């Protein structure tokens, strides 16, 4: 019989991360991604999942499925119906579960919540439905399943079924902050004593409609993404997923779990300046970072590394750079900053979770992932912009995620000492 823990909402609890799963264009799993980001490897390639010939840009952070599909509890029919986004999610979820040491019995008998963030969800299924109706308006065969599987909560259910989980499911679709919001939400559930364990993460897959939309806005770089470079000209899109297994710190210690890190702070804010443009001085971004620090009870001087939102667009990087400068104050020159979107592209709703996972890799393996594409740093970079591979002992890290509509989220994580 699995160990039963009692819930208490009258006390606060420390929150440990005991499992992380990740898949990006850098590779499948912790090892491939940690090695790639440590070296500053570029993982943008020609798009094959759809025809991009009519677009200005033809490269993205496309995932190569070169590893066997993990062992799951999915039925054969479910497995056959997995769309690309769900497939990414299952890869990440299975790795996280294996790393955590949680058993199938515990997933079934305990009410382990699942919170996921996404922006596009199963957009490819929606595209297929639309294409089928345009080509054969009277056709109905096979379309009902597309309607069902297109809904984002179905991807969460597929992950739950794959792992054997029977807990409550929450979906967050808050633009590019979604993945960070999901981890923050799960963190608060555990901290406030509403659950003892939680799964959380984010995911998004490349989709023709989304890609064409960003391209039509001329937001995509026609060269390479160069976050914080004075001559940056846009972002690259990517795809991937990351899933965290989180639990009360005292429970993780009691069962002798390998604790990867501790989530200590979560901040969120809304930028009302413009639908797609952040406030030039980064007012809301600053507030998000300040709120995360207040909850974590850390000062900016204690944060050694920031995995920035760093899209490589002219307005976003200026706003975030100004926010970091205002937030860090006199210690701004000591804080190390980089953007891993230069390596794998912008993962939209999955970015916050994947970049949080990269932070844990950096903290656990003592390195700072560089932004290798920067040639001429923008004057806004009064912080320590890391452009080449660097070894560093990290004890406290921060990651920012900002989205269209003014959605801002910040997570702070610390090494267990």
Protein backbone atom coordinates (compact mmCIF):
# COMPACT_ATOMS: atom_id res chain seq x y z
CA UNK A 1 0.00 0.00 0.00
CA UNK A 2 1.54 3.36 -0.99
CA UNK A 3 2.45 5.73 1.82
CA UNK A 4 -0.49 8.05 2.50
CA UNK A 5 0.26 11.66 3.40
CA UNK A 6 -2.19 13.96 5.09
CA UNK A 7 -3.13 17.27 3.52
CA UNK A 8 -2.97 20.42 5.59
CA UNK A 9 -3.92 23.85 4.28
CA UNK A 10 -2.92 25.64 7.48
CA UNK A 11 0.83 25.40 6.87
CA UNK A 12 3.14 26.10 3.96
CA UNK A 13 5.44 23.48 2.51
CA UNK A 14 8.70 23.54 0.62
CA UNK A 15 8.35 22.21 -2.92
CA UNK A 16 10.88 19.78 -4.36
CA UNK A 17 11.35 18.78 -8.00
CA UNK A 18 12.12 15.08 -8.19
CA UNK A 19 11.58 14.41 -11.88
CA UNK A 20 12.10 16.35 -15.12
CA UNK A 21 11.39 15.22 -18.65
CA UNK A 22 12.31 17.21 -21.74
CA UNK A 23 12.28 16.94 -25.52
CA UNK A 24 13.37 19.69 -27.91
CA UNK A 25 15.08 20.02 -31.27
CA UNK A 26 18.30 19.68 -29.27
CA UNK A 27 17.36 16.07 -28.53
CA UNK A 28 15.27 13.70 -26.43
CA UNK A 29 15.84 13.56 -22.70
CA UNK A 30 17.95 15.26 -20.06
CA UNK A 31 21.36 14.07 -21.27
CA UNK A 32 21.03 15.17 -24.90
CA UNK A 33 19.65 18.56 -23.93
CA UNK A 34 22.09 19.25 -21.09
CA UNK A 35 25.07 18.47 -23.32
CA UNK A 36 23.70 20.56 -26.18
CA UNK A 37 22.90 23.64 -24.11
CA UNK A 38 26.20 23.43 -22.24
CA UNK A 39 28.04 23.59 -25.56
CA UNK A 40 25.75 26.27 -27.02
CA UNK A 41 24.84 24.00 -29.91
CA UNK A 42 22.41 25.32 -32.55
CA UNK A 43 19.40 23.09 -33.23
CA UNK A 44 17.50 24.93 -35.96
CA UNK A 45 16.90 23.00 -39.18
CA UNK A 46 14.87 23.00 -42.39
CA UNK A 47 11.17 22.40 -41.77
CA UNK A 48 9.77 19.04 -42.90
CA UNK A 49 6.50 18.77 -40.95
CA UNK A 50 4.69 21.12 -43.37
CA UNK A 51 5.35 22.99 -46.61
CA UNK A 52 6.98 26.35 -45.84
CA UNK A 53 7.85 27.21 -49.43
CA UNK A 54 5.44 30.16 -49.51
CA UNK A 55 6.84 31.67 -46.32
CA UNK A 56 9.74 34.08 -45.89
CA UNK A 57 11.45 31.70 -43.45
CA UNK A 58 12.01 27.96 -43.85
CA UNK A 59 13.85 26.91 -40.67
CA UNK A 60 12.72 26.17 -37.14
CA UNK A 61 13.54 24.16 -34.04
CA UNK A 62 11.95 20.97 -35.38
CA UNK A 63 12.17 17.86 -33.19
CA UNK A 64 13.64 14.68 -34.65
CA UNK A 65 11.99 11.60 -33.15
CA UNK A 66 15.07 9.41 -33.15
CA UNK A 67 14.40 7.57 -29.87
CA UNK A 68 11.98 4.65 -29.35
CA UNK A 69 8.52 5.59 -28.17
CA UNK A 70 8.43 5.12 -24.39
CA UNK A 71 6.53 2.32 -22.69
CA UNK A 72 3.10 3.63 -21.66
CA UNK A 73 -0.36 2.48 -20.62
CA UNK A 74 -1.92 3.88 -23.79
CA UNK A 75 -4.15 1.55 -25.77
CA UNK A 76 -3.09 0.79 -29.34
CA UNK A 77 -5.87 2.98 -30.73
CA UNK A 78 -4.86 5.92 -28.53
CA UNK A 79 -1.25 5.58 -29.53
CA UNK A 80 -2.17 5.52 -33.22
CA UNK A 81 -4.15 8.76 -32.83
CA UNK A 82 -1.42 10.75 -31.09
CA UNK A 83 -0.82 14.07 -32.78
CA UNK A 84 2.65 15.63 -32.79
CA UNK A 85 2.03 17.80 -29.72
CA UNK A 86 0.71 14.88 -27.66
CA UNK A 87 3.64 12.75 -28.74
CA UNK A 88 6.08 15.38 -27.44
CA UNK A 89 4.15 15.54 -24.18
CA UNK A 90 4.23 11.77 -23.64
CA UNK A 91 7.98 11.59 -24.23
CA UNK A 92 8.60 14.29 -21.61
CA UNK A 93 6.08 12.91 -19.13
CA UNK A 94 7.45 9.39 -19.22
CA UNK A 95 11.01 10.57 -18.61
CA UNK A 96 9.88 12.73 -15.69
CA UNK A 97 7.95 9.85 -14.12
CA UNK A 98 10.89 7.48 -14.41
CA UNK A 99 13.27 10.01 -12.88
CA UNK A 100 10.93 10.79 -9.98
CA UNK A 101 10.66 7.21 -8.76
CA UNK A 102 6.88 7.48 -8.39
CA UNK A 103 5.07 4.19 -8.92
CA UNK A 104 2.04 3.44 -11.05
CA UNK A 105 0.15 2.46 -7.91
CA UNK A 106 0.82 5.87 -6.38
CA UNK A 107 -0.39 7.63 -9.52
CA UNK A 108 -3.62 5.64 -9.47
CA UNK A 109 -4.39 5.85 -5.76
CA UNK A 110 -3.22 9.38 -4.93
CA UNK A 111 -4.93 12.47 -6.31
CA UNK A 112 -1.86 13.81 -8.10
CA UNK A 113 -2.85 16.93 -9.99
CA UNK A 114 -1.75 17.58 -13.56
CA UNK A 115 -1.35 21.16 -14.82
CA UNK A 116 -0.23 21.86 -18.36
CA UNK A 117 0.37 25.01 -20.36
CA UNK A 118 0.08 25.32 -24.13
CA UNK A 119 -0.55 27.95 -26.75
CA UNK A 120 -1.31 26.12 -29.99
CA UNK A 121 -2.23 22.72 -28.52
CA UNK A 122 -3.11 20.23 -31.24
CA UNK A 123 -3.33 22.90 -33.95
CA UNK A 124 -2.23 20.40 -36.59
CA UNK A 125 -5.45 18.44 -36.01
CA UNK A 126 -7.49 21.60 -36.49
CA UNK A 127 -5.61 22.29 -39.71
CA UNK A 128 -6.35 18.76 -40.92
CA UNK A 129 -10.06 19.17 -40.13
CA UNK A 130 -10.19 22.45 -42.05
CA UNK A 131 -8.33 21.02 -45.02
CA UNK A 132 -10.64 18.00 -45.19
CA UNK A 133 -13.78 20.16 -45.14
CA UNK A 134 -12.41 22.50 -47.79
CA UNK A 135 -11.54 19.62 -50.11
CA UNK A 136 -14.67 17.51 -49.41
CA UNK A 137 -17.37 19.68 -47.76
CA UNK A 138 -19.85 16.80 -47.45
CA UNK A 139 -17.38 14.38 -45.94
CA UNK A 140 -17.96 13.45 -42.30
CA UNK A 141 -16.07 10.18 -41.87
CA UNK A 142 -13.24 10.48 -39.35
CA UNK A 143 -13.93 14.11 -38.51
CA UNK A 144 -15.62 13.57 -35.16
CA UNK A 145 -12.40 12.20 -33.67
CA UNK A 146 -10.53 15.28 -34.91
CA UNK A 147 -13.02 17.53 -33.13
CA UNK A 148 -12.47 15.65 -29.88
CA UNK A 149 -8.69 15.33 -30.11
CA UNK A 150 -8.23 18.98 -31.13
CA UNK A 151 -9.29 20.17 -27.66
CA UNK A 152 -6.24 20.89 -25.42
CA UNK A 153 -7.60 18.99 -22.43
CA UNK A 154 -7.52 15.82 -24.53
CA UNK A 155 -3.73 16.05 -24.82
CA UNK A 156 -3.59 16.27 -21.03
CA UNK A 157 -5.87 13.27 -20.76
CA UNK A 158 -3.67 11.31 -23.15
CA UNK A 159 -0.66 12.05 -20.94
CA UNK A 160 -2.61 11.04 -17.84
CA UNK A 161 -3.66 7.80 -19.54
CA UNK A 162 -0.09 7.14 -20.68
CA UNK A 163 1.18 7.44 -17.11
CA UNK A 164 -1.82 5.88 -15.38
CA UNK A 165 -2.72 9.06 -13.50
CA UNK A 166 -6.27 9.64 -12.24
CA UNK A 167 -5.92 13.05 -10.60
CA UNK A 168 -7.50 16.40 -11.52
CA UNK A 169 -6.39 18.13 -14.72
CA UNK A 170 -5.93 21.88 -15.28
CA UNK A 171 -5.07 23.49 -18.62
CA UNK A 172 -3.55 26.96 -18.87
CA UNK A 173 -3.49 28.72 -22.24
CA UNK A 174 -1.90 32.04 -21.42
CA UNK A 175 0.17 32.61 -24.55
CA UNK A 176 3.94 32.23 -24.12
CA UNK A 177 3.76 32.34 -20.32
CA UNK A 178 1.62 29.18 -20.20
CA UNK A 179 4.31 26.65 -19.30
CA UNK A 180 5.73 28.82 -16.52
CA UNK A 181 2.20 29.54 -15.27
CA UNK A 182 1.51 25.80 -15.10
CA UNK A 183 4.59 25.12 -12.98
CA UNK A 184 3.79 28.11 -10.80
CA UNK A 185 0.23 26.92 -10.28
CA UNK A 186 1.38 23.43 -9.27
CA UNK A 187 4.00 24.94 -6.97
CA UNK A 188 1.33 26.92 -5.16
CA UNK A 189 -0.96 23.89 -4.83
CA UNK A 190 1.75 22.00 -2.99
CA UNK A 191 3.04 24.96 -1.02
CA UNK A 192 -0.44 25.80 0.30
CA UNK A 193 -1.18 22.20 1.25
CA UNK A 194 -3.91 21.51 -1.31
CA UNK A 195 -2.02 18.54 -2.79
CA UNK A 196 1.08 16.60 -1.79
CA UNK A 197 2.28 15.86 -5.33
CA UNK A 198 1.75 17.47 -8.72
CA UNK A 199 2.77 17.09 -12.33
CA UNK A 200 3.21 20.26 -14.38
CA UNK A 201 4.71 21.39 -17.65
CA UNK A 202 4.23 22.91 -21.04
CA UNK A 203 4.28 21.87 -24.67
CA UNK A 204 3.69 23.05 -28.23
CA UNK A 205 4.37 21.58 -31.65
CA UNK A 206 5.14 23.30 -34.92
CA UNK A 207 2.01 24.02 -36.94
CA UNK A 208 1.58 25.57 -40.38
CA UNK A 209 -1.05 28.13 -39.33
CA UNK A 210 0.94 29.35 -36.33
CA UNK A 211 4.14 29.58 -38.36
CA UNK A 212 2.41 31.48 -41.16
CA UNK A 213 0.90 33.86 -38.62
CA UNK A 214 4.26 34.79 -37.09
CA UNK A 215 5.79 35.04 -40.56
CA UNK A 216 3.03 37.38 -41.76
CA UNK A 217 3.75 39.62 -38.77
CA UNK A 218 7.39 39.61 -39.96
CA UNK A 219 8.34 38.53 -36.46
CA UNK A 220 10.57 35.68 -37.68
CA UNK A 221 14.25 36.19 -38.27
CA UNK A 222 15.36 35.75 -41.87
CA UNK A 223 18.88 35.00 -40.67
CA UNK A 224 19.36 33.52 -37.18
CA UNK A 225 17.71 34.60 -33.92
CA UNK A 226 20.08 36.90 -32.00
CA UNK A 227 18.53 37.77 -28.63
CA UNK A 228 20.00 40.99 -27.18
CA UNK A 229 22.09 41.65 -30.29
CA UNK A 230 22.01 45.26 -31.52
CA UNK A 231 21.17 43.98 -35.01
CA UNK A 232 18.55 41.38 -34.06
CA UNK A 233 15.74 40.94 -36.58
CA UNK A 234 13.27 38.51 -35.04
CA UNK A 235 12.71 35.12 -33.48
CA UNK A 236 12.72 31.51 -34.63
CA UNK A 237 9.90 29.12 -33.78
CA UNK A 238 10.49 25.73 -32.24
CA UNK A 239 8.66 22.85 -30.64
CA UNK A 240 9.06 20.69 -27.57
CA UNK A 241 7.80 19.81 -24.12
CA UNK A 242 8.94 19.64 -20.52
CA UNK A 243 7.20 18.03 -17.54
CA UNK A 244 8.06 18.43 -13.84
CA UNK A 245 7.25 16.00 -11.04
CA UNK A 246 6.91 18.04 -7.85
CA UNK A 247 6.18 17.08 -4.25
CA UNK A 248 6.43 18.27 -0.69
CA UNK A 249 10.05 18.55 0.31
CA UNK A 250 9.53 16.62 3.54
CA UNK A 251 7.94 13.72 1.65
CA UNK A 252 10.80 13.60 -0.86
CA UNK A 253 13.34 13.50 1.97
CA UNK A 254 11.38 10.82 3.81
CA UNK A 255 11.34 8.47 0.83
CA UNK A 256 14.98 9.14 -0.01
CA UNK A 257 14.26 10.72 -3.38
CA UNK A 258 16.92 12.38 -5.51
CA UNK A 259 15.85 16.03 -5.25
CA UNK A 260 16.86 17.94 -8.37
CA UNK A 261 16.02 21.39 -7.02
CA UNK A 262 13.49 23.39 -5.06
CA UNK A 263 10.94 25.78 -6.56
CA UNK A 264 10.90 28.77 -4.21
CA UNK A 265 9.14 31.64 -5.97
CA UNK A 266 6.53 32.42 -8.62
CA UNK A 267 5.53 35.84 -9.86
CA UNK A 268 2.93 36.87 -12.42
CA UNK A 269 1.78 40.21 -13.82
CA UNK A 270 -0.14 41.70 -16.72
CA UNK A 271 1.27 44.31 -19.11
CA UNK A 272 -1.54 46.62 -20.25
CA UNK A 273 0.69 48.72 -22.49
CA UNK A 274 -0.25 47.02 -25.79
CA UNK A 275 -1.66 43.71 -27.01
CA UNK A 276 1.67 42.52 -28.48
CA UNK A 277 4.23 45.15 -27.45
CA UNK A 278 5.63 45.27 -23.91
CA UNK A 279 6.07 48.52 -22.02
CA UNK A 280 9.44 49.92 -23.17
CA UNK A 281 10.73 50.18 -19.61
CA UNK A 282 9.52 46.67 -18.74
CA UNK A 283 7.15 47.74 -15.96
CA UNK A 284 5.14 44.51 -15.82
CA UNK A 285 8.20 42.32 -16.32
CA UNK A 286 9.83 44.09 -13.39
CA UNK A 287 6.76 43.48 -11.23
CA UNK A 288 6.73 39.77 -12.12
CA UNK A 289 10.38 39.40 -11.10
CA UNK A 290 9.86 41.37 -7.89
CA UNK A 291 6.88 39.22 -6.90
CA UNK A 292 8.83 36.02 -7.48
CA UNK A 293 11.70 37.32 -5.35
CA UNK A 294 9.34 38.37 -2.57
CA UNK A 295 7.83 34.89 -2.38
CA UNK A 296 11.23 33.22 -2.60
CA UNK A 297 12.64 35.57 0.04
CA UNK A 298 15.71 36.24 -2.10
CA UNK A 299 17.28 39.47 -3.27
CA UNK A 300 18.37 40.14 -6.87
CA UNK A 301 21.98 39.92 -5.68
CA UNK A 302 21.38 36.28 -4.72
CA UNK A 303 20.15 35.30 -8.21
CA UNK A 304 23.19 34.23 -10.20
CA UNK A 305 21.63 33.37 -13.56
CA UNK A 306 18.58 34.43 -15.56
CA UNK A 307 17.25 32.38 -18.45
CA UNK A 308 15.62 35.34 -20.15
CA UNK A 309 12.52 35.40 -22.29
CA UNK A 310 14.92 36.81 -24.89
CA UNK A 311 13.00 36.35 -28.12
CA UNK A 312 15.33 38.33 -30.37
CA UNK A 313 12.62 40.82 -31.37
CA UNK A 314 13.59 44.51 -31.12
CA UNK A 315 10.92 45.61 -28.63
CA UNK A 316 10.87 42.57 -26.35
CA UNK A 317 14.59 42.48 -25.66
CA UNK A 318 14.71 46.21 -24.85
CA UNK A 319 11.82 45.88 -22.40
CA UNK A 320 13.27 42.83 -20.65
CA UNK A 321 16.73 44.36 -20.55
CA UNK A 322 15.37 47.47 -18.89
CA UNK A 323 13.37 45.36 -16.43
CA UNK A 324 16.48 43.37 -15.45
CA UNK A 325 18.47 46.58 -14.99
CA UNK A 326 15.80 48.12 -12.76
CA UNK A 327 15.29 44.87 -10.85
CA UNK A 328 18.96 44.12 -10.15
CA UNK A 329 20.07 47.69 -9.41
CA UNK A 330 23.71 47.95 -8.38
CA UNK A 331 24.27 44.19 -8.77
CA UNK A 332 23.13 44.08 -12.42
CA UNK A 333 26.68 43.69 -13.74
CA UNK A 334 27.10 40.44 -11.81
CA UNK A 335 23.96 38.60 -12.90
CA UNK A 336 24.55 36.20 -15.79
CA UNK A 337 21.89 36.28 -18.52
CA UNK A 338 21.32 34.25 -21.67
CA UNK A 339 18.50 33.20 -23.98
CA UNK A 340 18.24 29.59 -25.11
CA UNK A 341 15.67 30.57 -27.74
CA UNK A 342 18.68 31.26 -29.94
CA UNK A 343 19.43 27.52 -29.86
CA UNK A 344 16.02 25.86 -30.24
CA UNK A 345 13.63 28.67 -31.15
CA UNK A 346 10.62 29.98 -29.29
CA UNK A 347 8.42 27.11 -28.07
CA UNK A 348 5.42 29.39 -27.36
CA UNK A 349 3.27 27.75 -24.66
CA UNK A 350 6.01 25.21 -24.00
CA UNK A 351 8.82 27.75 -23.64
CA UNK A 352 8.39 28.52 -19.94
CA UNK A 353 8.50 24.88 -18.87
CA UNK A 354 11.37 23.92 -21.19
CA UNK A 355 13.45 26.92 -20.10
CA UNK A 356 12.77 26.10 -16.44
CA UNK A 357 14.07 22.60 -17.14
CA UNK A 358 17.19 24.06 -18.77
CA UNK A 359 17.74 26.13 -15.63
CA UNK A 360 17.67 22.96 -13.53
CA UNK A 361 20.19 21.30 -15.84
CA UNK A 362 22.48 24.30 -15.55
CA UNK A 363 22.17 24.39 -11.77
CA UNK A 364 22.67 20.64 -11.32
CA UNK A 365 25.60 20.34 -13.73
CA UNK A 366 27.31 23.69 -13.02
CA UNK A 367 27.19 25.47 -16.36
CA UNK A 368 25.57 28.53 -17.95
CA UNK A 369 24.00 27.97 -21.38
CA UNK A 370 25.35 30.60 -23.79
CA UNK A 371 23.61 32.66 -26.46
CA UNK A 372 26.14 31.99 -29.22
CA UNK A 373 24.56 34.09 -31.99
CA UNK A 374 25.17 37.50 -30.41
CA UNK A 375 27.86 39.48 -32.24
CA UNK A 376 27.22 43.03 -31.01
CA UNK A 377 25.41 43.24 -27.66
CA UNK A 378 22.67 45.85 -27.47
CA UNK A 379 23.51 48.77 -25.15
CA UNK A 380 20.65 47.64 -22.90
CA UNK A 381 22.86 44.71 -21.84
CA UNK A 382 24.41 46.16 -18.72
CA UNK A 383 24.18 42.67 -17.22
CA UNK A 384 26.65 39.82 -17.89
CA UNK A 385 25.41 38.49 -21.23
CA UNK A 386 26.82 34.97 -21.61
CA UNK A 387 27.83 34.36 -25.22
CA UNK A 388 30.25 31.45 -24.90
CA UNK A 389 30.12 28.18 -22.90
CA UNK A 390 30.84 28.85 -19.25
CA UNK A 391 31.23 26.72 -16.17
CA UNK A 392 29.66 28.17 -13.01
CA UNK A 393 28.36 26.92 -9.70
CA UNK A 394 24.73 28.04 -9.56
CA UNK A 395 22.67 28.00 -6.38
CA UNK A 396 19.76 30.25 -7.36
CA UNK A 397 18.33 30.79 -10.85
CA UNK A 398 15.44 32.71 -12.38
CA UNK A 399 13.53 32.29 -15.62
CA UNK A 400 11.23 34.78 -17.34
CA UNK A 401 8.35 34.05 -19.71
CA UNK A 402 6.35 36.84 -21.34
CA UNK A 403 3.48 36.43 -23.80
CA UNK A 404 1.13 38.26 -26.14
CA UNK A 405 -1.70 39.92 -24.27
CA UNK A 406 0.72 41.04 -21.58
CA UNK A 407 1.03 37.72 -19.73
CA UNK A 408 4.20 37.68 -17.63
CA UNK A 409 5.52 34.89 -15.41
CA UNK A 410 8.73 34.41 -13.43
CA UNK A 411 9.99 31.30 -11.63
CA UNK A 412 12.83 31.08 -9.12
CA UNK A 413 14.52 27.80 -8.26
CA UNK A 414 17.29 26.95 -5.81
CA UNK A 415 19.74 24.12 -5.36
CA UNK A 416 19.18 21.93 -2.32
CA UNK A 417 22.07 22.45 0.08
